[in-house]
Amino acid sequence: MFGCGQYPAYDSFVESVSEEAVQNVKRLRHHPSVVIFAGNNEDYQVAESFKLQLDYSDETSDFRDTNFPARYIYERVLPKAVAEHSNIHYHRGSPYSGHGKPTTDRTYGDIHQWNVWHGSQEPWHNWDILAGRFVSEFGMQGYPNIRTVNYWLGGNTAEGFPQSRTMNNHNKADGFERRLELYLVENFKHSFDLESYVYYTQVMQAETLASAYRLWRRNWKGKGKEYTAGALVWQINDCWPVTSWAIVDYFLRPKPAFFTVARELRPYTVGMTRKEVQTFPDETSAAEFKISTVLEIWGTNSTLAEKRATLELTAFELDSEWTERWSKEVVLAPNASTELYKGDLPGQPVRTKRSEVPRTIIVSARLLDEDGSVLGRYSNWPEPFKFIHFPSLEVAGLEVTVGEDGETVRLESKKPIKGIVLDVEGEDVKWSDQAIDLVPGDPQTVRARGLNGRQVKARFLGDGTA
């Protein structure tokens, strides 16, 4: 109940806090999902930002005579209530590092990483260098389901555009329009009609959050190299119909980000990055300036047993029929990430001029079980997406087929397709997956509870809808 503020510690207030803490520890201590009690949210961070009296090396003072009196509550009152009435771990605050370190320290305790969206507004591609021991807050906004937006519009079509007063009233984040547009314009060729805007913010949120979990899971390498132990996305759901950081909206309709996060948290996953490496000749060398692209692939295994699998990689050029495929046997270490490949990006020649346009290469990786079933898949695309000339609907050849049971949808294509989001007219259905990347030769089937055989619409980056 203590969050983002400064609280008093006079006797009657402390007495009330103590009683309430005991009551709530008793109320919650039997819940298996409660693994930590945290004393506050961002109050140590607030104290640091306002340069209050906060000597982390002082473990003995009373603190009530300082200008940060609430420290007495967090370090005396609350841990006593937790220790006397439960065996649950107590953490003084979130974020909190201990060891005399500030709340921004990346090597101890937990951090709130808001330099994507808030703060320095870093690209989401920088999550790997924005990591910490435990990232207990991070996020990205995205519009909710269009049905939720239409609900708060209440039939007022004149307000049905992203910059309207009604839209503004349904987003209470300070500066949200500037931040949404910053990340949209840096990454997408997007439109401002309402349904398109909803779609692009949703895909942006889905890409951002998936990227964070993918890169941070790589940081749990085992054998003493467990650099990132976990991450908690801000946030799960909304308490009113609104555009926010939630991955499930007020009406419990999952946003596409819900599904991309779920994919990245499966027991077995495969991840990739591509990095440009520039080589500069020195004054005495005749060597050319070069830009090469390096592909790195890793797999994760959250079970306690090693897993033998086949890594299958297929590269496609979006603008031609060129493909390249190879596979190799791999072993995923238990409870760890395992590096699987590092080498030149297939099909991408070395460039000797910055003005040279690289080939649009999409790389699909799959981890296959011994019986051929897919344990995990991921398609790596060149970014930013705004530079890509996506194929037309006819060339992409997306086929959306509703199964005979009326509750499954099969997706297949002739070209790689990015960010497929499925929908129907009328009442929404419960989809088993969204924000899907599709490549030729790897059809995917989505369950659709409540579809009842209705026609399915598919929206994706580029051409639009099918």
Protein backbone atom coordinates (compact mmCIF):
# COMPACT_ATOMS: atom_id res chain seq x y z
CA MET A 1 0.00 0.00 0.00
CA PHE A 2 3.05 2.28 0.03
CA GLY A 3 3.84 3.48 -3.47
CA CYS A 4 5.66 6.30 -5.25
CA GLY A 5 5.50 8.70 -2.33
CA GLN A 6 6.55 9.86 1.10
CA TYR A 7 4.79 8.55 4.19
CA PRO A 8 4.83 9.68 7.84
CA ALA A 9 5.89 7.57 10.81
CA TYR A 10 4.27 9.23 13.84
CA ASP A 11 3.15 6.84 16.57
CA SER A 12 -0.56 6.49 15.82
CA PHE A 13 0.09 6.00 12.10
CA VAL A 14 2.76 3.37 12.74
CA GLU A 15 0.42 1.55 15.11
CA SER A 16 -2.28 1.48 12.42
CA VAL A 17 0.20 0.27 9.79
CA SER A 18 1.44 -2.49 12.07
CA GLU A 19 -2.06 -3.80 12.71
CA GLU A 20 -2.98 -3.69 9.03
CA ALA A 21 0.27 -5.46 8.08
CA VAL A 22 -0.41 -8.32 10.50
CA GLN A 23 -3.96 -8.72 9.22
CA ASN A 24 -2.84 -8.86 5.59
CA VAL A 25 0.07 -11.22 6.18
CA LYS A 26 -2.37 -13.63 7.83
CA ARG A 27 -4.83 -13.13 4.97
CA LEU A 28 -2.32 -13.78 2.19
CA ARG A 29 0.30 -16.11 3.66
CA HIS A 30 -1.36 -19.35 2.51
CA HIS A 31 -1.57 -18.35 -1.16
CA PRO A 32 0.98 -20.38 -3.17
CA SER A 33 1.46 -17.52 -5.63
CA VAL A 34 2.81 -15.19 -2.93
CA VAL A 35 6.56 -15.72 -2.84
CA ILE A 36 7.73 -12.28 -1.68
CA PHE A 37 6.30 -9.46 0.44
CA ALA A 38 7.76 -6.11 -0.69
CA GLY A 39 7.61 -3.17 1.67
CA ASN A 40 6.89 -0.50 -0.90
CA ASN A 41 6.91 0.42 -4.56
CA GLU A 42 9.57 2.96 -5.65
CA ASP A 43 9.73 4.82 -2.33
CA TYR A 44 13.48 4.31 -1.97
CA GLN A 45 13.75 5.49 -5.57
CA VAL A 46 11.76 8.62 -4.68
CA ALA A 47 14.02 9.22 -1.68
CA GLU A 48 17.09 8.98 -3.93
CA SER A 49 15.64 11.34 -6.53
CA PHE A 50 14.83 13.99 -3.89
CA LYS A 51 18.18 13.45 -2.13
CA LEU A 52 16.55 12.64 1.21
CA GLN A 53 18.47 11.35 4.19
CA LEU A 54 19.15 7.83 2.99
CA ASP A 55 22.38 6.23 4.16
CA TYR A 56 22.13 2.61 3.03
CA SER A 57 25.05 1.64 5.28
CA ASP A 58 23.06 2.68 8.37
CA GLU A 59 21.24 -0.40 9.69
CA THR A 60 20.75 0.71 13.30
CA SER A 61 19.12 4.15 13.37
CA ASP A 62 15.49 4.82 14.20
CA PHE A 63 14.99 6.92 11.00
CA ARG A 64 11.84 8.63 12.32
CA ASP A 65 13.71 11.87 12.98
CA THR A 66 14.97 12.11 9.38
CA ASN A 67 13.22 13.53 6.31
CA PHE A 68 12.65 9.93 5.16
CA PRO A 69 10.73 8.62 8.21
CA ALA A 70 8.92 5.85 6.31
CA ARG A 71 12.17 3.91 6.33
CA TYR A 72 11.24 2.96 9.90
CA ILE A 73 8.11 1.27 8.52
CA TYR A 74 9.93 -0.57 5.74
CA GLU A 75 12.88 -1.73 7.83
CA ARG A 76 11.34 -2.24 11.27
CA VAL A 77 7.53 -2.55 11.26
CA LEU A 78 6.78 -4.54 8.11
CA PRO A 79 9.61 -7.12 8.34
CA LYS A 80 8.57 -7.81 11.95
CA ALA A 81 4.97 -8.51 10.90
CA VAL A 82 6.09 -10.80 8.07
CA ALA A 83 8.64 -12.71 10.20
CA GLU A 84 6.26 -13.29 13.11
CA HIS A 85 3.29 -14.45 11.04
CA SER A 86 4.70 -16.21 7.95
CA ASN A 87 7.77 -17.84 6.43
CA ILE A 88 7.59 -15.69 3.28
CA HIS A 89 10.64 -13.70 2.20
CA TYR A 90 10.51 -9.95 2.92
CA HIS A 91 12.09 -7.48 0.47
CA ARG A 92 12.35 -3.90 1.73
CA GLY A 93 11.09 -2.30 -1.45
CA SER A 94 10.82 -2.58 -5.18
CA PRO A 95 13.19 -1.62 -6.62
CA TYR A 96 15.72 -2.22 -3.85
CA SER A 97 19.32 -3.31 -4.19
CA GLY A 98 20.74 -3.40 -0.68
CA HIS A 99 24.50 -3.77 -0.25
CA GLY A 100 24.72 0.01 -0.06
CA LYS A 101 23.75 0.28 -3.72
CA PRO A 102 21.17 2.65 -5.28
CA THR A 103 17.91 1.33 -6.69
CA THR A 104 19.30 1.61 -10.23
CA ASP A 105 22.11 -0.88 -9.58
CA ARG A 106 21.92 -3.72 -12.10
CA THR A 107 23.95 -6.27 -10.12
CA TYR A 108 21.94 -6.58 -6.89
CA GLY A 109 18.27 -6.88 -6.02
CA ASP A 110 15.61 -5.77 -8.48
CA ILE A 111 15.27 -2.81 -10.82
CA HIS A 112 12.42 -1.05 -12.59
CA GLN A 113 13.60 -0.61 -16.17
CA TRP A 114 11.66 2.27 -17.68
CA ASN A 115 14.26 3.63 -20.08
CA VAL A 116 12.03 2.14 -22.75
CA TRP A 117 8.82 4.26 -22.79
CA HIS A 118 9.84 6.57 -19.89
CA GLY A 119 13.30 7.90 -19.06
CA SER A 120 15.74 8.07 -21.95
CA GLN A 121 13.20 6.35 -24.26
CA GLU A 122 15.67 3.81 -25.62
CA PRO A 123 14.82 1.59 -28.61
CA TRP A 124 13.32 -1.71 -27.50
CA HIS A 125 16.20 -3.42 -29.29
CA ASN A 126 18.41 -2.30 -26.37
CA TRP A 127 16.74 -4.53 -23.78
CA ASP A 128 19.86 -6.72 -23.65
CA ILE A 129 21.94 -3.80 -22.34
CA LEU A 130 19.08 -2.59 -20.10
CA ALA A 131 18.98 -5.79 -18.09
CA GLY A 132 19.30 -6.36 -14.34
CA ARG A 133 19.35 -9.17 -11.81
CA PHE A 134 15.55 -9.10 -11.61
CA VAL A 135 13.55 -6.65 -13.73
CA SER A 136 10.42 -6.20 -11.65
CA GLU A 137 8.86 -3.50 -13.85
CA PHE A 138 9.06 -2.67 -17.55
CA GLY A 139 6.50 -2.12 -20.25
CA MET A 140 5.11 -0.56 -23.39
CA GLN A 141 1.68 0.85 -24.13
CA GLY A 142 -0.71 -0.49 -26.75
CA TYR A 143 -4.33 0.16 -27.60
CA PRO A 144 -6.86 -2.44 -26.41
CA ASN A 145 -9.16 -4.49 -28.63
CA ILE A 146 -11.13 -2.29 -31.05
CA ARG A 147 -14.34 -3.46 -29.34
CA THR A 148 -13.10 -1.92 -26.09
CA VAL A 149 -12.28 1.33 -27.89
CA ASN A 150 -15.74 1.39 -29.47
CA TYR A 151 -17.24 0.84 -26.02
CA TRP A 152 -15.70 4.00 -24.59
CA LEU A 153 -16.54 5.95 -27.75
CA GLY A 154 -20.18 5.08 -27.09
CA GLY A 155 -21.19 5.57 -30.71
CA ASN A 156 -19.59 9.03 -30.96
CA THR A 157 -17.92 8.48 -34.34
CA ALA A 158 -16.74 12.10 -34.50
CA GLU A 159 -14.31 11.26 -31.68
CA GLY A 160 -13.11 8.06 -33.36
CA PHE A 161 -9.56 9.13 -34.18
CA PRO A 162 -6.31 8.66 -32.18
CA GLN A 163 -5.89 12.32 -31.15
CA SER A 164 -9.44 13.03 -30.01
CA ARG A 165 -10.37 14.34 -26.57
CA THR A 166 -12.16 11.08 -25.76
CA MET A 167 -9.05 9.06 -26.63
CA ASN A 168 -6.98 11.43 -24.50
CA ASN A 169 -9.33 10.94 -21.55
CA HIS A 170 -8.88 7.18 -21.86
CA ASN A 171 -5.13 7.33 -21.36
CA LYS A 172 -3.88 8.94 -18.16
CA ALA A 173 -0.15 8.49 -18.86
CA ASP A 174 1.53 11.87 -19.05
CA GLY A 175 2.94 12.46 -22.54
CA PHE A 176 1.54 9.23 -23.95
CA GLU A 177 0.86 10.61 -27.44
CA ARG A 178 4.47 11.74 -27.85
CA ARG A 179 5.82 8.41 -26.64
CA LEU A 180 3.48 6.26 -28.72
CA GLU A 181 4.32 8.23 -31.82
CA LEU A 182 8.06 8.17 -31.13
CA TYR A 183 8.13 4.38 -31.12
CA LEU A 184 5.68 4.09 -34.01
CA VAL A 185 7.46 6.49 -36.34
CA GLU A 186 10.88 4.99 -35.60
CA ASN A 187 9.73 1.48 -36.48
CA PHE A 188 6.64 1.39 -38.72
CA LYS A 189 5.02 2.89 -41.79
CA HIS A 190 1.74 3.42 -39.99
CA SER A 191 -1.65 4.94 -40.65
CA PHE A 192 -3.83 7.18 -38.49
CA ASP A 193 -7.25 5.67 -39.17
CA LEU A 194 -8.44 4.23 -35.89
CA GLU A 195 -8.37 0.51 -36.68
CA SER A 196 -4.90 0.81 -38.23
CA TYR A 197 -3.61 2.83 -35.28
CA VAL A 198 -4.95 0.23 -32.86
CA TYR A 199 -3.23 -2.50 -34.86
CA TYR A 200 0.17 -0.79 -35.09
CA THR A 201 0.34 0.10 -31.39
CA GLN A 202 -0.61 -3.49 -30.54
CA VAL A 203 2.11 -4.96 -32.76
CA MET A 204 4.60 -2.45 -31.34
CA GLN A 205 3.73 -3.51 -27.80
CA ALA A 206 3.90 -7.18 -28.77
CA GLU A 207 7.35 -6.78 -30.36
CA THR A 208 8.67 -4.73 -27.43
CA LEU A 209 7.65 -7.12 -24.67
CA ALA A 210 8.56 -10.28 -26.56
CA SER A 211 12.00 -8.84 -27.27
CA ALA A 212 12.56 -8.14 -23.57
CA TYR A 213 11.70 -11.66 -22.44
CA ARG A 214 13.65 -13.21 -25.31
CA LEU A 215 16.84 -11.26 -24.59
CA TRP A 216 16.63 -11.52 -20.81
CA ARG A 217 16.05 -15.28 -20.85
CA ARG A 218 19.31 -15.49 -22.77
CA ASN A 219 21.00 -13.92 -19.74
CA TRP A 220 20.23 -16.97 -17.57
CA LYS A 221 23.18 -19.03 -18.76
CA GLY A 222 23.76 -21.28 -15.74
CA LYS A 223 27.08 -22.25 -14.17
CA GLY A 224 27.38 -19.02 -12.23
CA LYS A 225 26.30 -16.77 -15.10
CA GLU A 226 22.67 -16.21 -14.07
CA TYR A 227 22.68 -12.51 -14.87
CA THR A 228 18.92 -11.97 -15.22
CA ALA A 229 16.85 -14.14 -12.91
CA GLY A 230 13.40 -12.98 -13.91
CA ALA A 231 11.13 -10.23 -15.21
CA LEU A 232 7.66 -8.96 -14.35
CA VAL A 233 5.86 -7.01 -17.05
CA TRP A 234 3.92 -3.89 -16.12
CA GLN A 235 1.09 -4.73 -16.39
CA ILE A 236 -1.38 -7.61 -16.63
CA ASN A 237 -4.84 -6.01 -16.85
CA ASP A 238 -6.77 -2.75 -16.56
CA CYS A 239 -9.23 -1.50 -13.95
CA TRP A 240 -11.16 0.53 -16.54
CA PRO A 241 -11.45 0.70 -20.36
CA VAL A 242 -8.24 2.49 -21.39
CA THR A 243 -5.10 2.50 -23.52
CA SER A 244 -2.29 1.42 -21.22
CA TRP A 245 0.67 -0.88 -20.62
CA ALA A 246 -1.70 -3.79 -19.88
CA ILE A 247 -1.53 -6.97 -21.94
CA VAL A 248 -5.17 -7.82 -21.07
CA ASP A 249 -7.78 -5.07 -21.26
CA TYR A 250 -10.63 -4.17 -18.91
CA PHE A 251 -12.97 -6.72 -20.50
CA LEU A 252 -10.26 -9.40 -20.19
CA ARG A 253 -9.60 -9.39 -23.92
CA PRO A 254 -5.94 -10.27 -24.43
CA LYS A 255 -3.88 -7.93 -26.58
CA PRO A 256 -1.45 -9.46 -29.09
CA ALA A 257 1.37 -8.84 -26.58
CA PHE A 258 -0.22 -11.37 -24.23
CA PHE A 259 0.49 -14.09 -26.79
CA THR A 260 4.02 -13.00 -27.71
CA VAL A 261 4.97 -12.96 -24.02
CA ALA A 262 3.41 -16.40 -23.58
CA ARG A 263 5.45 -17.75 -26.49
CA GLU A 264 8.69 -16.41 -25.01
CA LEU A 265 7.91 -18.06 -21.65
CA ARG A 266 7.39 -21.58 -22.96
CA PRO A 267 9.65 -24.29 -21.52
CA TYR A 268 11.69 -24.38 -24.73
CA THR A 269 12.33 -21.34 -26.92
CA VAL A 270 14.71 -20.27 -29.65
CA GLY A 271 15.98 -16.71 -30.03
CA MET A 272 18.04 -14.77 -32.55
CA THR A 273 19.71 -11.41 -32.99
CA ARG A 274 21.44 -9.87 -35.98
CA LYS A 275 24.13 -7.27 -35.47
CA GLU A 276 25.96 -5.11 -37.98
CA VAL A 277 29.73 -5.13 -37.53
CA GLN A 278 31.65 -2.25 -39.10
CA THR A 279 35.34 -2.61 -39.94
CA PHE A 280 37.32 0.59 -40.46
CA PRO A 281 40.70 0.52 -42.20
CA ASP A 282 43.55 2.39 -40.55
CA GLU A 283 45.67 4.98 -42.34
CA THR A 284 48.33 2.46 -43.34
CA SER A 285 45.95 -0.23 -44.56
CA ALA A 286 44.61 -0.79 -48.03
CA ALA A 287 41.61 -2.65 -46.64
CA GLU A 288 38.13 -1.47 -47.49
CA PHE A 289 35.49 -0.19 -45.13
CA LYS A 290 33.15 -3.13 -44.51
CA ILE A 291 29.74 -3.77 -42.96
CA SER A 292 28.97 -7.39 -42.23
CA THR A 293 25.91 -8.83 -40.49
CA VAL A 294 26.36 -11.43 -37.75
CA LEU A 295 23.56 -13.79 -36.75
CA GLU A 296 23.45 -15.23 -33.22
CA ILE A 297 21.06 -18.03 -32.17
CA TRP A 298 20.39 -19.45 -28.73
CA GLY A 299 17.89 -21.81 -27.14
CA THR A 300 16.36 -21.85 -23.67
CA ASN A 301 15.25 -24.74 -21.50
CA SER A 302 13.41 -24.07 -18.25
CA THR A 303 13.12 -27.74 -17.27
CA LEU A 304 15.57 -29.51 -14.97
CA ALA A 305 16.71 -32.02 -17.60
CA GLU A 306 18.83 -31.47 -20.68
CA LYS A 307 16.91 -31.59 -23.94
CA ARG A 308 18.13 -32.99 -27.25
CA ALA A 309 16.58 -31.30 -30.26
CA THR A 310 17.15 -30.35 -33.87
CA LEU A 311 17.80 -26.71 -34.72
CA GLU A 312 16.33 -26.03 -38.15
CA LEU A 313 17.14 -22.74 -39.85
CA THR A 314 15.65 -21.37 -43.07
CA ALA A 315 16.58 -18.03 -44.60
CA PHE A 316 14.40 -16.24 -47.17
CA GLU A 317 14.93 -13.15 -49.28
CA LEU A 318 11.67 -11.25 -49.32
CA ASP A 319 12.20 -9.80 -52.80
CA SER A 320 13.18 -13.02 -54.62
CA GLU A 321 12.79 -16.78 -54.51
CA TRP A 322 16.20 -17.28 -52.84
CA THR A 323 16.24 -19.54 -49.77
CA GLU A 324 18.84 -21.39 -47.77
CA ARG A 325 18.22 -24.14 -45.24
CA TRP A 326 20.31 -26.13 -42.79
CA SER A 327 19.83 -28.05 -39.57
CA LYS A 328 21.94 -29.43 -36.78
CA GLU A 329 21.51 -31.50 -33.63
CA VAL A 330 21.74 -29.51 -30.40
CA VAL A 331 21.57 -30.14 -26.66
CA LEU A 332 19.80 -27.56 -24.49
CA ALA A 333 21.31 -27.38 -21.02
CA PRO A 334 18.83 -27.72 -18.12
CA ASN A 335 17.52 -24.55 -16.49
CA ALA A 336 19.63 -22.34 -18.74
CA SER A 337 20.07 -20.73 -22.10
CA THR A 338 22.46 -22.37 -24.56
CA GLU A 339 24.31 -20.61 -27.37
CA LEU A 340 23.64 -22.55 -30.59
CA TYR A 341 25.15 -20.59 -33.49
CA LYS A 342 27.14 -17.49 -34.37
CA GLY A 343 28.10 -16.62 -37.93
CA ASP A 344 27.39 -14.51 -40.98
CA LEU A 345 23.74 -13.85 -41.77
CA PRO A 346 22.88 -16.23 -44.65
CA GLY A 347 22.43 -14.49 -47.97
CA GLN A 348 23.70 -11.10 -46.79
CA PRO A 349 26.85 -10.00 -48.64
CA VAL A 350 29.40 -7.74 -47.01
CA ARG A 351 28.75 -4.08 -47.84
CA THR A 352 31.55 -1.64 -48.60
CA LYS A 353 29.40 1.49 -48.66
CA ARG A 354 26.94 2.80 -46.12
CA SER A 355 24.61 3.72 -48.98
CA GLU A 356 24.33 0.12 -50.15
CA VAL A 357 20.87 -1.27 -49.44
CA PRO A 358 21.09 -4.66 -47.70
CA ARG A 359 19.02 -7.58 -48.91
CA THR A 360 15.80 -8.14 -46.97
CA ILE A 361 16.62 -11.47 -45.35
CA ILE A 362 14.17 -13.16 -42.96
CA VAL A 363 15.54 -16.00 -40.87
CA SER A 364 13.20 -18.63 -39.41
CA ALA A 365 14.48 -20.93 -36.68
CA ARG A 366 12.66 -23.90 -35.18
CA LEU A 367 13.55 -26.31 -32.41
CA LEU A 368 12.19 -29.74 -33.28
CA ASP A 369 11.63 -32.60 -30.85
CA GLU A 370 12.69 -36.14 -31.68
CA ASP A 371 9.22 -36.87 -33.10
CA GLY A 372 9.38 -33.80 -35.36
CA SER A 373 7.00 -31.66 -33.31
CA VAL A 374 7.85 -27.99 -32.87
CA LEU A 375 9.23 -27.12 -29.43
CA GLY A 376 9.78 -23.47 -30.27
CA ARG A 377 9.97 -21.15 -33.28
CA TYR A 378 10.99 -17.59 -33.97
CA SER A 379 11.42 -15.51 -37.13
CA ASN A 380 14.01 -12.75 -37.14
CA TRP A 381 13.30 -9.81 -39.46
CA PRO A 382 15.49 -6.83 -40.37
CA GLU A 383 14.57 -3.73 -38.39
CA PRO A 384 13.24 -1.10 -38.44
CA PHE A 385 10.23 -2.54 -40.21
CA LYS A 386 9.51 0.82 -41.89
CA PHE A 387 12.37 0.21 -44.34
CA ILE A 388 10.89 -3.06 -45.61
CA HIS A 389 8.98 -3.19 -48.89
CA PHE A 390 6.46 -5.82 -47.91
CA PRO A 391 4.99 -7.99 -50.69
CA SER A 392 1.47 -7.35 -51.88
CA LEU A 393 -1.36 -9.51 -50.62
CA GLU A 394 -1.37 -11.48 -53.87
CA VAL A 395 2.39 -12.12 -53.77
CA ALA A 396 2.39 -12.98 -50.06
CA GLY A 397 -0.20 -15.64 -50.77
CA LEU A 398 -1.66 -15.81 -47.28
CA GLU A 399 -4.27 -18.54 -46.97
CA VAL A 400 -6.62 -18.49 -43.99
CA THR A 401 -8.62 -21.69 -43.73
CA VAL A 402 -11.27 -22.43 -41.11
CA GLY A 403 -11.28 -26.11 -40.08
CA GLU A 404 -14.27 -28.40 -40.39
CA ASP A 405 -14.79 -28.13 -36.63
CA GLY A 406 -15.36 -24.39 -37.03
CA GLU A 407 -12.98 -23.76 -34.12
CA THR A 408 -9.53 -23.91 -35.74
CA VAL A 409 -7.81 -21.66 -38.26
CA ARG A 410 -4.92 -22.80 -40.46
CA LEU A 411 -2.44 -20.20 -41.73
CA GLU A 412 0.04 -20.72 -44.56
CA SER A 413 1.79 -18.46 -47.04
CA LYS A 414 4.02 -18.24 -50.09
CA LYS A 415 6.17 -15.47 -48.60
CA PRO A 416 7.24 -14.56 -45.06
CA ILE A 417 4.54 -12.47 -43.34
CA LYS A 418 4.98 -10.35 -40.23
CA GLY A 419 2.57 -9.63 -37.38
CA ILE A 420 -0.62 -11.48 -38.29
CA VAL A 421 -3.52 -10.49 -36.02
CA LEU A 422 -6.79 -12.40 -36.47
CA ASP A 423 -10.29 -11.03 -35.94
CA VAL A 424 -13.94 -11.56 -36.90
CA GLU A 425 -17.01 -9.45 -37.36
CA GLY A 426 -19.30 -9.36 -34.35
CA GLU A 427 -18.57 -11.00 -31.04
CA ASP A 428 -14.90 -11.70 -30.37
CA VAL A 429 -13.53 -15.24 -30.02
CA LYS A 430 -10.88 -16.69 -27.73
CA TRP A 431 -7.74 -17.08 -29.85
CA SER A 432 -4.89 -19.37 -28.83
CA ASP A 433 -2.29 -17.17 -30.56
CA GLN A 434 -1.89 -13.74 -32.14
CA ALA A 435 0.84 -11.47 -33.59
CA ILE A 436 2.04 -14.43 -35.64
CA ASP A 437 5.05 -14.47 -37.97
CA LEU A 438 4.54 -16.92 -40.81
CA VAL A 439 7.02 -18.37 -43.31
CA PRO A 440 6.57 -20.72 -46.28
CA GLY A 441 6.71 -24.40 -45.43
CA ASP A 442 5.75 -23.86 -41.78
CA PRO A 443 1.94 -23.60 -41.56
CA GLN A 444 0.47 -22.79 -38.16
CA THR A 445 -2.90 -23.66 -36.66
CA VAL A 446 -4.69 -21.36 -34.21
CA ARG A 447 -7.54 -22.48 -31.99
CA ALA A 448 -10.52 -20.13 -32.00
CA ARG A 449 -13.08 -20.90 -29.31
CA GLY A 450 -16.42 -19.33 -30.20
CA LEU A 451 -15.60 -18.90 -33.88
CA ASN A 452 -18.48 -21.14 -34.96
CA GLY A 453 -17.24 -21.30 -38.54
CA ARG A 454 -17.34 -17.55 -39.14
CA GLN A 455 -15.08 -15.91 -41.73
CA VAL A 456 -11.74 -14.78 -40.29
CA LYS A 457 -9.97 -11.51 -41.07
CA ALA A 458 -6.17 -11.41 -40.92
CA ARG A 459 -4.25 -8.16 -40.61
CA PHE A 460 -0.46 -8.01 -41.06
CA LEU A 461 2.34 -5.55 -41.74
CA GLY A 462 2.37 -4.28 -45.28
CA ASP A 463 -0.63 -4.88 -47.46
CA GLY A 464 -3.21 -4.79 -44.69
CA THR A 465 -5.97 -7.36 -44.44
CA ALA A 466 -7.01 -10.70 -45.97
